Amino acid sequence: MQTSTHHTHLRIPMRHLLVVARKGQITIPAPIRDALHIKEGDTVAVELLGEEVKITPVPSTLAEGYQSIPALKKPLSWKEIEEIIQEERADAAAKEG
């Protein structure tokens, strides 16, 4: 299997030949992982584009979402939380018809 990748910050395309393992696995070469800032445990998206495969790092939703929503002015009680959940479930059920 041949792969090639272009990173927007790089001017020279990197190309590495990879061997596909028994279960269809490949190892992303270190220079490509480094260029894309991919580390162990990260999530990547794999897309089939015609005859080519595109691998794109997916930002961590936890890191992306951290402090993206302002804190509540006052904490909610369990009763208030349960009421909100019931309202959201009722709204979702109504939308499903």
Protein backbone atom coordinates (compact mmCIF):
# COMPACT_ATOMS: atom_id res chain seq x y z
CA MET A 1 0.00 0.00 0.00
CA GLN A 2 1.36 3.40 -0.90
CA THR A 3 0.58 6.53 1.00
CA SER A 4 1.39 10.14 0.58
CA THR A 5 0.53 13.08 2.74
CA HIS A 6 0.77 16.81 2.43
CA HIS A 7 0.77 18.98 5.48
CA THR A 8 -0.12 22.62 5.01
CA HIS A 9 2.99 23.72 6.92
CA LEU A 10 5.35 21.58 4.84
CA ARG A 11 6.61 22.48 1.43
CA ILE A 12 7.91 19.03 0.49
CA PRO A 13 5.41 16.14 0.31
CA MET A 14 6.34 13.11 2.41
CA ARG A 15 5.92 9.66 0.93
CA HIS A 16 6.51 6.34 2.66
CA LEU A 17 5.83 2.80 1.51
CA LEU A 18 3.99 0.81 4.17
CA VAL A 19 3.29 -2.89 4.58
CA VAL A 20 -0.26 -3.84 5.48
CA ALA A 21 -0.37 -6.27 8.42
CA ARG A 22 -2.59 -9.34 8.73
CA LYS A 23 -5.60 -7.44 10.11
CA GLY A 24 -5.29 -4.55 7.63
CA GLN A 25 -3.23 -2.45 10.00
CA ILE A 26 -0.53 0.01 9.01
CA THR A 27 1.86 2.08 11.08
CA ILE A 28 1.96 5.80 10.36
CA PRO A 29 5.67 6.65 10.03
CA ALA A 30 7.14 8.87 12.76
CA PRO A 31 7.97 11.81 10.43
CA ILE A 32 4.33 11.97 9.32
CA ARG A 33 3.02 11.61 12.89
CA ASP A 34 5.39 14.37 13.97
CA ALA A 35 4.36 16.66 11.10
CA LEU A 36 0.66 16.16 11.91
CA HIS A 37 1.20 16.24 15.69
CA ILE A 38 -0.35 12.77 16.07
CA LYS A 39 0.52 10.94 19.27
CA GLU A 40 -0.48 7.67 20.90
CA GLY A 41 -4.17 7.64 21.80
CA ASP A 42 -5.14 10.35 19.30
CA THR A 43 -8.05 9.85 16.92
CA VAL A 44 -7.60 10.09 13.16
CA ALA A 45 -10.19 10.10 10.38
CA VAL A 46 -9.60 7.82 7.40
CA GLU A 47 -11.35 8.70 4.14
CA LEU A 48 -11.40 6.98 0.76
CA LEU A 49 -11.10 9.56 -2.02
CA GLY A 50 -11.29 7.70 -5.30
CA GLU A 51 -8.09 5.60 -5.39
CA GLU A 52 -6.45 7.47 -2.49
CA VAL A 53 -6.69 7.28 1.28
CA LYS A 54 -6.64 10.46 3.35
CA ILE A 55 -5.68 10.35 7.05
CA THR A 56 -6.56 13.44 9.07
CA PRO A 57 -6.01 14.06 12.80
CA VAL A 58 -9.27 14.70 14.68
CA PRO A 59 -8.97 17.19 17.53
CA SER A 60 -9.93 15.87 20.93
CA THR A 61 -13.48 16.93 21.69
CA LEU A 62 -12.58 17.13 25.37
CA ALA A 63 -9.67 19.48 24.74
CA GLU A 64 -11.71 21.45 22.20
CA GLY A 65 -14.65 21.80 24.54
CA TYR A 66 -12.72 22.55 27.71
CA GLN A 67 -13.96 25.88 29.10
CA SER A 68 -15.83 26.61 25.87
CA ILE A 69 -19.06 26.93 27.85
CA PRO A 70 -19.14 29.40 30.71
CA ALA A 71 -19.63 27.98 34.21
CA LEU A 72 -23.07 28.13 35.77
CA LYS A 73 -23.67 31.12 38.01
CA LYS A 74 -25.05 28.80 40.66
CA PRO A 75 -24.83 25.00 40.79
CA LEU A 76 -27.99 23.06 39.96
CA SER A 77 -29.58 20.66 42.42
CA TRP A 78 -30.12 17.02 41.46
CA LYS A 79 -33.85 17.74 41.22
CA GLU A 80 -33.22 20.60 38.75
CA ILE A 81 -30.90 18.38 36.68
CA GLU A 82 -33.49 15.56 36.58
CA GLU A 83 -36.19 18.05 35.48
CA ILE A 84 -33.97 19.29 32.65
CA ILE A 85 -33.28 15.71 31.53
CA GLN A 86 -37.02 14.88 31.55
CA GLU A 87 -37.80 18.00 29.51
CA GLU A 88 -35.09 17.18 26.96
CA ARG A 89 -36.29 13.58 26.65
CA ALA A 90 -39.88 14.77 26.19
CA ASP A 91 -38.77 17.24 23.50
CA ALA A 92 -36.78 14.49 21.72
CA ALA A 93 -39.75 12.08 21.86
CA ALA A 94 -42.10 14.77 20.49
CA LYS A 95 -39.74 15.43 17.58
CA GLU A 96 -39.59 11.71 16.71
CA GLY A 97 -43.34 11.81 16.32
